Full PDB file with SEQRES, HELIX, SHEET, SSBOND, CRYST1, ORIGX, SCALE, CONECT and MASTER records, all heavy atoms in Angstrom:
SEQRES   1 A   30  ASN ILE ASN VAL GLY THR VAL VAL ARG ARG MET GLU ASP          
SEQRES   2 A   30  ASP PHE HIS LEU VAL GLU CYS PHE ASP ARG GLU HIS ASN          
SEQRES   3 A   30  ARG CYS PRO ILE                                              
HELIX    1 AA1 VAL A    4  MET A   11  1                                   8    
HELIX    2 AA2 GLU A   19  PHE A   21  5                                   3    
CRYST1    1.000    1.000    1.000  90.00  90.00  90.00 P 1           1          
ORIGX1      1.000000  0.000000  0.000000        0.00000                         
ORIGX2      0.000000  1.000000  0.000000        0.00000                         
ORIGX3      0.000000  0.000000  1.000000        0.00000                         
SCALE1      1.000000  0.000000  0.000000        0.00000                         
SCALE2      0.000000  1.000000  0.000000        0.00000                         
SCALE3      0.000000  0.000000  1.000000        0.00000                         
ATOM      1  N   ASN A   1      -6.872  17.489 -16.159  1.00  0.00           N  
ATOM      2  CA  ASN A   1      -5.616  16.755 -16.348  1.00  0.00           C  
ATOM      3  C   ASN A   1      -5.040  16.204 -15.047  1.00  0.00           C  
ATOM      4  O   ASN A   1      -3.976  15.584 -15.050  1.00  0.00           O  
ATOM      5  CB  ASN A   1      -4.581  17.652 -17.017  1.00  0.00           C  
ATOM      6  CG  ASN A   1      -4.993  18.054 -18.416  1.00  0.00           C  
ATOM      7  OD1 ASN A   1      -5.699  17.325 -19.098  1.00  0.00           O  
ATOM      8  ND2 ASN A   1      -4.580  19.229 -18.839  1.00  0.00           N  
ATOM      9  N   ILE A   2      -5.719  16.429 -13.933  1.00  0.00           N  
ATOM     10  CA  ILE A   2      -5.252  15.935 -12.635  1.00  0.00           C  
ATOM     11  C   ILE A   2      -6.106  14.734 -12.246  1.00  0.00           C  
ATOM     12  O   ILE A   2      -7.287  14.865 -11.928  1.00  0.00           O  
ATOM     13  CB  ILE A   2      -5.304  17.039 -11.559  1.00  0.00           C  
ATOM     14  CG1 ILE A   2      -4.407  18.201 -11.980  1.00  0.00           C  
ATOM     15  CG2 ILE A   2      -4.903  16.483 -10.189  1.00  0.00           C  
ATOM     16  CD1 ILE A   2      -4.482  19.417 -11.074  1.00  0.00           C  
ATOM     17  N   ASN A   3      -5.513  13.557 -12.309  1.00  0.00           N  
ATOM     18  CA  ASN A   3      -6.220  12.311 -12.052  1.00  0.00           C  
ATOM     19  C   ASN A   3      -6.264  12.003 -10.555  1.00  0.00           C  
ATOM     20  O   ASN A   3      -5.234  12.043  -9.878  1.00  0.00           O  
ATOM     21  CB  ASN A   3      -5.541  11.172 -12.820  1.00  0.00           C  
ATOM     22  CG  ASN A   3      -6.244   9.865 -12.626  1.00  0.00           C  
ATOM     23  OD1 ASN A   3      -5.937   9.126 -11.694  1.00  0.00           O  
ATOM     24  ND2 ASN A   3      -7.204   9.573 -13.490  1.00  0.00           N  
ATOM     25  N   VAL A   4      -7.452  11.692 -10.068  1.00  0.00           N  
ATOM     26  CA  VAL A   4      -7.640  11.418  -8.638  1.00  0.00           C  
ATOM     27  C   VAL A   4      -6.826  10.199  -8.204  1.00  0.00           C  
ATOM     28  O   VAL A   4      -6.178  10.214  -7.148  1.00  0.00           O  
ATOM     29  CB  VAL A   4      -9.138  11.251  -8.301  1.00  0.00           C  
ATOM     30  CG1 VAL A   4      -9.321  10.840  -6.837  1.00  0.00           C  
ATOM     31  CG2 VAL A   4      -9.900  12.540  -8.594  1.00  0.00           C  
ATOM     32  N   GLY A   5      -6.828   9.139  -8.988  1.00  0.00           N  
ATOM     33  CA  GLY A   5      -6.064   7.942  -8.635  1.00  0.00           C  
ATOM     34  C   GLY A   5      -4.577   8.229  -8.529  1.00  0.00           C  
ATOM     35  O   GLY A   5      -3.896   7.737  -7.630  1.00  0.00           O  
ATOM     36  N   THR A   6      -4.069   9.055  -9.425  1.00  0.00           N  
ATOM     37  CA  THR A   6      -2.655   9.435  -9.395  1.00  0.00           C  
ATOM     38  C   THR A   6      -2.336  10.219  -8.129  1.00  0.00           C  
ATOM     39  O   THR A   6      -1.309   9.976  -7.484  1.00  0.00           O  
ATOM     40  CB  THR A   6      -2.297  10.272 -10.643  1.00  0.00           C  
ATOM     41  OG1 THR A   6      -2.591   9.497 -11.809  1.00  0.00           O  
ATOM     42  CG2 THR A   6      -0.840  10.669 -10.645  1.00  0.00           C  
ATOM     43  N   VAL A   7      -3.218  11.141  -7.758  1.00  0.00           N  
ATOM     44  CA  VAL A   7      -3.011  11.929  -6.536  1.00  0.00           C  
ATOM     45  C   VAL A   7      -2.994  11.000  -5.322  1.00  0.00           C  
ATOM     46  O   VAL A   7      -2.100  11.089  -4.471  1.00  0.00           O  
ATOM     47  CB  VAL A   7      -4.105  13.007  -6.365  1.00  0.00           C  
ATOM     48  CG1 VAL A   7      -3.983  13.702  -5.007  1.00  0.00           C  
ATOM     49  CG2 VAL A   7      -4.046  14.030  -7.497  1.00  0.00           C  
ATOM     50  N   VAL A   8      -3.951  10.101  -5.237  1.00  0.00           N  
ATOM     51  CA  VAL A   8      -4.041   9.197  -4.084  1.00  0.00           C  
ATOM     52  C   VAL A   8      -2.797   8.312  -4.006  1.00  0.00           C  
ATOM     53  O   VAL A   8      -2.202   8.169  -2.929  1.00  0.00           O  
ATOM     54  CB  VAL A   8      -5.331   8.356  -4.142  1.00  0.00           C  
ATOM     55  CG1 VAL A   8      -5.307   7.227  -3.121  1.00  0.00           C  
ATOM     56  CG2 VAL A   8      -6.542   9.254  -3.919  1.00  0.00           C  
ATOM     57  N   ARG A   9      -2.371   7.752  -5.116  1.00  0.00           N  
ATOM     58  CA  ARG A   9      -1.169   6.913  -5.096  1.00  0.00           C  
ATOM     59  C   ARG A   9       0.051   7.699  -4.630  1.00  0.00           C  
ATOM     60  O   ARG A   9       0.896   7.178  -3.908  1.00  0.00           O  
ATOM     61  CB  ARG A   9      -0.903   6.340  -6.479  1.00  0.00           C  
ATOM     62  CG  ARG A   9      -1.758   5.166  -6.840  1.00  0.00           C  
ATOM     63  CD  ARG A   9      -1.393   4.651  -8.238  1.00  0.00           C  
ATOM     64  NE  ARG A   9      -2.274   3.607  -8.668  1.00  0.00           N  
ATOM     65  CZ  ARG A   9      -3.461   3.812  -9.255  1.00  0.00           C  
ATOM     66  NH1 ARG A   9      -3.886   5.042  -9.476  1.00  0.00           N  
ATOM     67  NH2 ARG A   9      -4.203   2.797  -9.609  1.00  0.00           N  
ATOM     68  N   ARG A  10       0.155   8.942  -5.057  1.00  0.00           N  
ATOM     69  CA  ARG A  10       1.315   9.763  -4.709  1.00  0.00           C  
ATOM     70  C   ARG A  10       1.300  10.187  -3.227  1.00  0.00           C  
ATOM     71  O   ARG A  10       2.338  10.248  -2.574  1.00  0.00           O  
ATOM     72  CB  ARG A  10       1.351  10.995  -5.618  1.00  0.00           C  
ATOM     73  CG  ARG A  10       2.393  12.014  -5.291  1.00  0.00           C  
ATOM     74  CD  ARG A  10       3.796  11.441  -5.407  1.00  0.00           C  
ATOM     75  NE  ARG A  10       4.693  12.363  -4.746  1.00  0.00           N  
ATOM     76  CZ  ARG A  10       5.837  12.776  -5.209  1.00  0.00           C  
ATOM     77  NH1 ARG A  10       6.289  12.317  -6.314  1.00  0.00           N  
ATOM     78  NH2 ARG A  10       6.553  13.642  -4.551  1.00  0.00           N  
ATOM     79  N   MET A  11       0.127  10.455  -2.688  1.00  0.00           N  
ATOM     80  CA  MET A  11       0.041  11.016  -1.345  1.00  0.00           C  
ATOM     81  C   MET A  11      -0.092   9.967  -0.241  1.00  0.00           C  
ATOM     82  O   MET A  11       0.259  10.236   0.898  1.00  0.00           O  
ATOM     83  CB  MET A  11      -1.125  12.010  -1.256  1.00  0.00           C  
ATOM     84  CG  MET A  11      -1.055  13.136  -2.285  1.00  0.00           C  
ATOM     85  SD  MET A  11       0.538  13.975  -2.436  1.00  0.00           S  
ATOM     86  CE  MET A  11       0.496  15.006  -0.997  1.00  0.00           C  
ATOM     87  N   GLU A  12      -0.569   8.782  -0.564  1.00  0.00           N  
ATOM     88  CA  GLU A  12      -0.690   7.728   0.451  1.00  0.00           C  
ATOM     89  C   GLU A  12       0.686   7.160   0.774  1.00  0.00           C  
ATOM     90  O   GLU A  12       1.511   6.989  -0.124  1.00  0.00           O  
ATOM     91  CB  GLU A  12      -1.600   6.607  -0.034  1.00  0.00           C  
ATOM     92  CG  GLU A  12      -3.066   6.891   0.116  1.00  0.00           C  
ATOM     93  CD  GLU A  12      -3.522   7.020   1.546  1.00  0.00           C  
ATOM     94  OE1 GLU A  12      -3.375   6.072   2.332  1.00  0.00           O  
ATOM     95  OE2 GLU A  12      -4.045   8.097   1.879  1.00  0.00           O  
ATOM     96  N   ASP A  13       0.905   6.833   2.033  1.00  0.00           N  
ATOM     97  CA  ASP A  13       2.210   6.314   2.441  1.00  0.00           C  
ATOM     98  C   ASP A  13       2.362   4.821   2.169  1.00  0.00           C  
ATOM     99  O   ASP A  13       3.456   4.336   1.941  1.00  0.00           O  
ATOM    100  CB  ASP A  13       2.502   6.632   3.904  1.00  0.00           C  
ATOM    101  CG  ASP A  13       1.427   6.150   4.856  1.00  0.00           C  
ATOM    102  OD1 ASP A  13       0.385   5.654   4.386  1.00  0.00           O  
ATOM    103  OD2 ASP A  13       1.623   6.269   6.065  1.00  0.00           O  
ATOM    104  N   ASP A  14       1.287   4.068   2.187  1.00  0.00           N  
ATOM    105  CA  ASP A  14       1.367   2.653   1.826  1.00  0.00           C  
ATOM    106  C   ASP A  14      -0.033   2.119   1.543  1.00  0.00           C  
ATOM    107  O   ASP A  14      -1.028   2.722   1.910  1.00  0.00           O  
ATOM    108  CB  ASP A  14       2.060   1.820   2.904  1.00  0.00           C  
ATOM    109  CG  ASP A  14       1.227   1.604   4.148  1.00  0.00           C  
ATOM    110  OD1 ASP A  14       0.144   0.994   4.049  1.00  0.00           O  
ATOM    111  OD2 ASP A  14       1.659   2.027   5.240  1.00  0.00           O  
ATOM    112  N   PHE A  15      -0.070   0.997   0.896  1.00  0.00           N  
ATOM    113  CA  PHE A  15      -1.326   0.321   0.613  1.00  0.00           C  
ATOM    114  C   PHE A  15      -1.299  -1.097   1.180  1.00  0.00           C  
ATOM    115  O   PHE A  15      -1.843  -2.022   0.602  1.00  0.00           O  
ATOM    116  CB  PHE A  15      -1.592   0.292  -0.905  1.00  0.00           C  
ATOM    117  CG  PHE A  15      -1.986   1.625  -1.455  1.00  0.00           C  
ATOM    118  CD1 PHE A  15      -1.050   2.447  -2.052  1.00  0.00           C  
ATOM    119  CD2 PHE A  15      -3.280   2.077  -1.349  1.00  0.00           C  
ATOM    120  CE1 PHE A  15      -1.398   3.687  -2.550  1.00  0.00           C  
ATOM    121  CE2 PHE A  15      -3.654   3.313  -1.847  1.00  0.00           C  
ATOM    122  CZ  PHE A  15      -2.703   4.113  -2.453  1.00  0.00           C  
ATOM    123  N   HIS A  16      -0.661  -1.263   2.321  1.00  0.00           N  
ATOM    124  CA  HIS A  16      -0.586  -2.569   2.978  1.00  0.00           C  
ATOM    125  C   HIS A  16      -1.883  -2.791   3.756  1.00  0.00           C  
ATOM    126  O   HIS A  16      -1.977  -2.434   4.928  1.00  0.00           O  
ATOM    127  CB  HIS A  16       0.619  -2.640   3.917  1.00  0.00           C  
ATOM    128  CG  HIS A  16       1.920  -2.457   3.204  1.00  0.00           C  
ATOM    129  ND1 HIS A  16       3.012  -1.906   3.809  1.00  0.00           N  
ATOM    130  CD2 HIS A  16       2.309  -2.723   1.945  1.00  0.00           C  
ATOM    131  CE1 HIS A  16       4.011  -1.864   2.956  1.00  0.00           C  
ATOM    132  NE2 HIS A  16       3.605  -2.353   1.821  1.00  0.00           N  
ATOM    133  N   LEU A  17      -2.850  -3.370   3.082  1.00  0.00           N  
ATOM    134  CA  LEU A  17      -4.144  -3.593   3.732  1.00  0.00           C  
ATOM    135  C   LEU A  17      -4.044  -4.610   4.854  1.00  0.00           C  
ATOM    136  O   LEU A  17      -4.759  -4.525   5.844  1.00  0.00           O  
ATOM    137  CB  LEU A  17      -5.174  -4.069   2.706  1.00  0.00           C  
ATOM    138  CG  LEU A  17      -5.452  -3.118   1.544  1.00  0.00           C  
ATOM    139  CD1 LEU A  17      -6.509  -3.713   0.627  1.00  0.00           C  
ATOM    140  CD2 LEU A  17      -5.870  -1.756   2.038  1.00  0.00           C  
ATOM    141  N   VAL A  18      -3.194  -5.589   4.672  1.00  0.00           N  
ATOM    142  CA  VAL A  18      -2.943  -6.602   5.692  1.00  0.00           C  
ATOM    143  C   VAL A  18      -1.433  -6.842   5.744  1.00  0.00           C  
ATOM    144  O   VAL A  18      -0.688  -6.441   4.850  1.00  0.00           O  
ATOM    145  CB  VAL A  18      -3.698  -7.924   5.401  1.00  0.00           C  
ATOM    146  CG1 VAL A  18      -5.196  -7.766   5.629  1.00  0.00           C  
ATOM    147  CG2 VAL A  18      -3.437  -8.416   3.996  1.00  0.00           C  
ATOM    148  N   GLU A  19      -1.003  -7.500   6.784  1.00  0.00           N  
ATOM    149  CA  GLU A  19       0.429  -7.716   7.022  1.00  0.00           C  
ATOM    150  C   GLU A  19       1.151  -8.338   5.831  1.00  0.00           C  
ATOM    151  O   GLU A  19       2.267  -7.942   5.486  1.00  0.00           O  
ATOM    152  CB  GLU A  19       0.599  -8.597   8.261  1.00  0.00           C  
ATOM    153  CG  GLU A  19       2.029  -8.832   8.650  1.00  0.00           C  
ATOM    154  CD  GLU A  19       2.161  -9.698   9.898  1.00  0.00           C  
ATOM    155  OE1 GLU A  19       1.242  -9.692  10.733  1.00  0.00           O  
ATOM    156  OE2 GLU A  19       3.189 -10.370  10.019  1.00  0.00           O  
ATOM    157  N   CYS A  20       0.521  -9.276   5.160  1.00  0.00           N  
ATOM    158  CA  CYS A  20       1.212  -9.992   4.082  1.00  0.00           C  
ATOM    159  C   CYS A  20       1.459  -9.122   2.841  1.00  0.00           C  
ATOM    160  O   CYS A  20       2.218  -9.507   1.958  1.00  0.00           O  
ATOM    161  CB  CYS A  20       0.470 -11.270   3.702  1.00  0.00           C  
ATOM    162  SG  CYS A  20      -1.219 -11.014   3.148  1.00  0.00           S  
ATOM    163  N   PHE A  21       0.854  -7.948   2.763  1.00  0.00           N  
ATOM    164  CA  PHE A  21       1.134  -7.030   1.659  1.00  0.00           C  
ATOM    165  C   PHE A  21       2.517  -6.391   1.822  1.00  0.00           C  
ATOM    166  O   PHE A  21       3.065  -5.872   0.875  1.00  0.00           O  
ATOM    167  CB  PHE A  21       0.078  -5.924   1.603  1.00  0.00           C  
ATOM    168  CG  PHE A  21      -1.174  -6.294   0.864  1.00  0.00           C  
ATOM    169  CD1 PHE A  21      -1.735  -7.549   0.983  1.00  0.00           C  
ATOM    170  CD2 PHE A  21      -1.813  -5.376   0.055  1.00  0.00           C  
ATOM    171  CE1 PHE A  21      -2.897  -7.884   0.311  1.00  0.00           C  
ATOM    172  CE2 PHE A  21      -2.965  -5.698  -0.623  1.00  0.00           C  
ATOM    173  CZ  PHE A  21      -3.514  -6.951  -0.498  1.00  0.00           C  
ATOM    174  N   ASP A  22       3.033  -6.428   3.019  1.00  0.00           N  
ATOM    175  CA  ASP A  22       4.338  -5.837   3.319  1.00  0.00           C  
ATOM    176  C   ASP A  22       5.365  -6.970   3.395  1.00  0.00           C  
ATOM    177  O   ASP A  22       5.585  -7.568   4.442  1.00  0.00           O  
ATOM    178  CB  ASP A  22       4.270  -5.073   4.640  1.00  0.00           C  
ATOM    179  CG  ASP A  22       5.553  -4.348   4.992  1.00  0.00           C  
ATOM    180  OD1 ASP A  22       6.570  -4.523   4.279  1.00  0.00           O  
ATOM    181  OD2 ASP A  22       5.540  -3.609   5.988  1.00  0.00           O  
ATOM    182  N   ARG A  23       5.994  -7.254   2.278  1.00  0.00           N  
ATOM    183  CA  ARG A  23       6.921  -8.395   2.205  1.00  0.00           C  
ATOM    184  C   ARG A  23       8.052  -8.294   3.226  1.00  0.00           C  
ATOM    185  O   ARG A  23       8.498  -9.298   3.757  1.00  0.00           O  
ATOM    186  CB  ARG A  23       7.505  -8.491   0.795  1.00  0.00           C  
ATOM    187  CG  ARG A  23       6.488  -8.862  -0.235  1.00  0.00           C  
ATOM    188  CD  ARG A  23       7.078  -8.801  -1.624  1.00  0.00           C  
ATOM    189  NE  ARG A  23       6.021  -8.818  -2.595  1.00  0.00           N  
ATOM    190  CZ  ARG A  23       5.876  -9.749  -3.518  1.00  0.00           C  
ATOM    191  NH1 ARG A  23       6.728 -10.729  -3.601  1.00  0.00           N  
ATOM    192  NH2 ARG A  23       4.880  -9.693  -4.360  1.00  0.00           N  
ATOM    193  N   GLU A  24       8.489  -7.102   3.498  1.00  0.00           N  
ATOM    194  CA  GLU A  24       9.621  -6.909   4.409  1.00  0.00           C  
ATOM    195  C   GLU A  24       9.260  -7.221   5.862  1.00  0.00           C  
ATOM    196  O   GLU A  24      10.083  -7.739   6.613  1.00  0.00           O  
ATOM    197  CB  GLU A  24      10.111  -5.458   4.305  1.00  0.00           C  
ATOM    198  CG  GLU A  24      11.385  -5.178   5.068  1.00  0.00           C  
ATOM    199  CD  GLU A  24      11.856  -3.743   4.867  1.00  0.00           C  
ATOM    200  OE1 GLU A  24      11.779  -3.255   3.732  1.00  0.00           O  
ATOM    201  OE2 GLU A  24      12.290  -3.139   5.858  1.00  0.00           O  
ATOM    202  N   HIS A  25       8.040  -6.951   6.265  1.00  0.00           N  
ATOM    203  CA  HIS A  25       7.644  -7.126   7.666  1.00  0.00           C  
ATOM    204  C   HIS A  25       6.605  -8.224   7.881  1.00  0.00           C  
ATOM    205  O   HIS A  25       6.098  -8.385   8.983  1.00  0.00           O  
ATOM    206  CB  HIS A  25       7.119  -5.807   8.233  1.00  0.00           C  
ATOM    207  CG  HIS A  25       8.151  -4.726   8.243  1.00  0.00           C  
ATOM    208  ND1 HIS A  25       8.157  -3.710   7.327  1.00  0.00           N  
ATOM    209  CD2 HIS A  25       9.236  -4.544   9.025  1.00  0.00           C  
ATOM    210  CE1 HIS A  25       9.194  -2.915   7.552  1.00  0.00           C  
ATOM    211  NE2 HIS A  25       9.865  -3.403   8.576  1.00  0.00           N  
ATOM    212  N   ASN A  26       6.290  -8.969   6.850  1.00  0.00           N  
ATOM    213  CA  ASN A  26       5.280 -10.017   6.966  1.00  0.00           C  
ATOM    214  C   ASN A  26       5.780 -11.166   7.843  1.00  0.00           C  
ATOM    215  O   ASN A  26       6.817 -11.748   7.585  1.00  0.00           O  
ATOM    216  CB  ASN A  26       4.908 -10.543   5.578  1.00  0.00           C  
ATOM    217  CG  ASN A  26       3.845 -11.620   5.647  1.00  0.00           C  
ATOM    218  OD1 ASN A  26       3.097 -11.721   6.604  1.00  0.00           O  
ATOM    219  ND2 ASN A  26       3.784 -12.437   4.618  1.00  0.00           N  
ATOM    220  N   ARG A  27       5.020 -11.474   8.875  1.00  0.00           N  
ATOM    221  CA  ARG A  27       5.353 -12.591   9.764  1.00  0.00           C  
ATOM    222  C   ARG A  27       4.202 -13.595   9.841  1.00  0.00           C  
ATOM    223  O   ARG A  27       4.222 -14.507  10.645  1.00  0.00           O  
ATOM    224  CB  ARG A  27       5.656 -12.076  11.183  1.00  0.00           C  
ATOM    225  CG  ARG A  27       6.800 -11.075  11.266  1.00  0.00           C  
ATOM    226  CD  ARG A  27       8.147 -11.748  10.974  1.00  0.00           C  
ATOM    227  NE  ARG A  27       9.226 -10.775  11.030  1.00  0.00           N  
ATOM    228  CZ  ARG A  27       9.816 -10.229   9.983  1.00  0.00           C  
ATOM    229  NH1 ARG A  27       9.447 -10.551   8.771  1.00  0.00           N  
ATOM    230  NH2 ARG A  27      10.783  -9.353  10.106  1.00  0.00           N  
ATOM    231  N   CYS A  28       3.200 -13.424   8.995  1.00  0.00           N  
ATOM    232  CA  CYS A  28       2.033 -14.305   9.041  1.00  0.00           C  
ATOM    233  C   CYS A  28       2.420 -15.698   8.543  1.00  0.00           C  
ATOM    234  O   CYS A  28       2.875 -15.857   7.412  1.00  0.00           O  
ATOM    235  CB  CYS A  28       0.894 -13.738   8.197  1.00  0.00           C  
ATOM    236  SG  CYS A  28      -0.584 -14.774   8.252  1.00  0.00           S  
ATOM    237  N   PRO A  29       2.222 -16.710   9.364  1.00  0.00           N  
ATOM    238  CA  PRO A  29       2.666 -18.057   8.996  1.00  0.00           C  
ATOM    239  C   PRO A  29       1.837 -18.718   7.884  1.00  0.00           C  
ATOM    240  O   PRO A  29       2.298 -19.656   7.246  1.00  0.00           O  
ATOM    241  CB  PRO A  29       2.549 -18.847  10.300  1.00  0.00           C  
ATOM    242  CG  PRO A  29       1.518 -18.125  11.091  1.00  0.00           C  
ATOM    243  CD  PRO A  29       1.660 -16.674  10.718  1.00  0.00           C  
ATOM    244  N   ILE A  30       0.627 -18.223   7.627  1.00  0.00           N  
ATOM    245  CA  ILE A  30      -0.207 -18.891   6.614  1.00  0.00           C  
ATOM    246  C   ILE A  30      -0.099 -18.240   5.227  1.00  0.00           C  
ATOM    247  O   ILE A  30      -0.763 -18.684   4.287  1.00  0.00           O  
ATOM    248  CB  ILE A  30      -1.688 -18.966   7.055  1.00  0.00           C  
ATOM    249  CG1 ILE A  30      -2.306 -17.565   7.168  1.00  0.00           C  
ATOM    250  CG2 ILE A  30      -1.820 -19.760   8.349  1.00  0.00           C  
ATOM    251  CD1 ILE A  30      -3.818 -17.580   7.349  1.00  0.00           C  
TER     252      ILE A  30                                                      
MASTER        0    0    0    2    0    0    0    6  251    1    0    3          
END                                                                             
């Protein structure tokens, strides 16, 4: 009953693979 994807989503601090994934701090002009 313990899903690996659920654990990873809960324990990871962010999934910002690149700057533009972070809307608040994105400064990429393209």
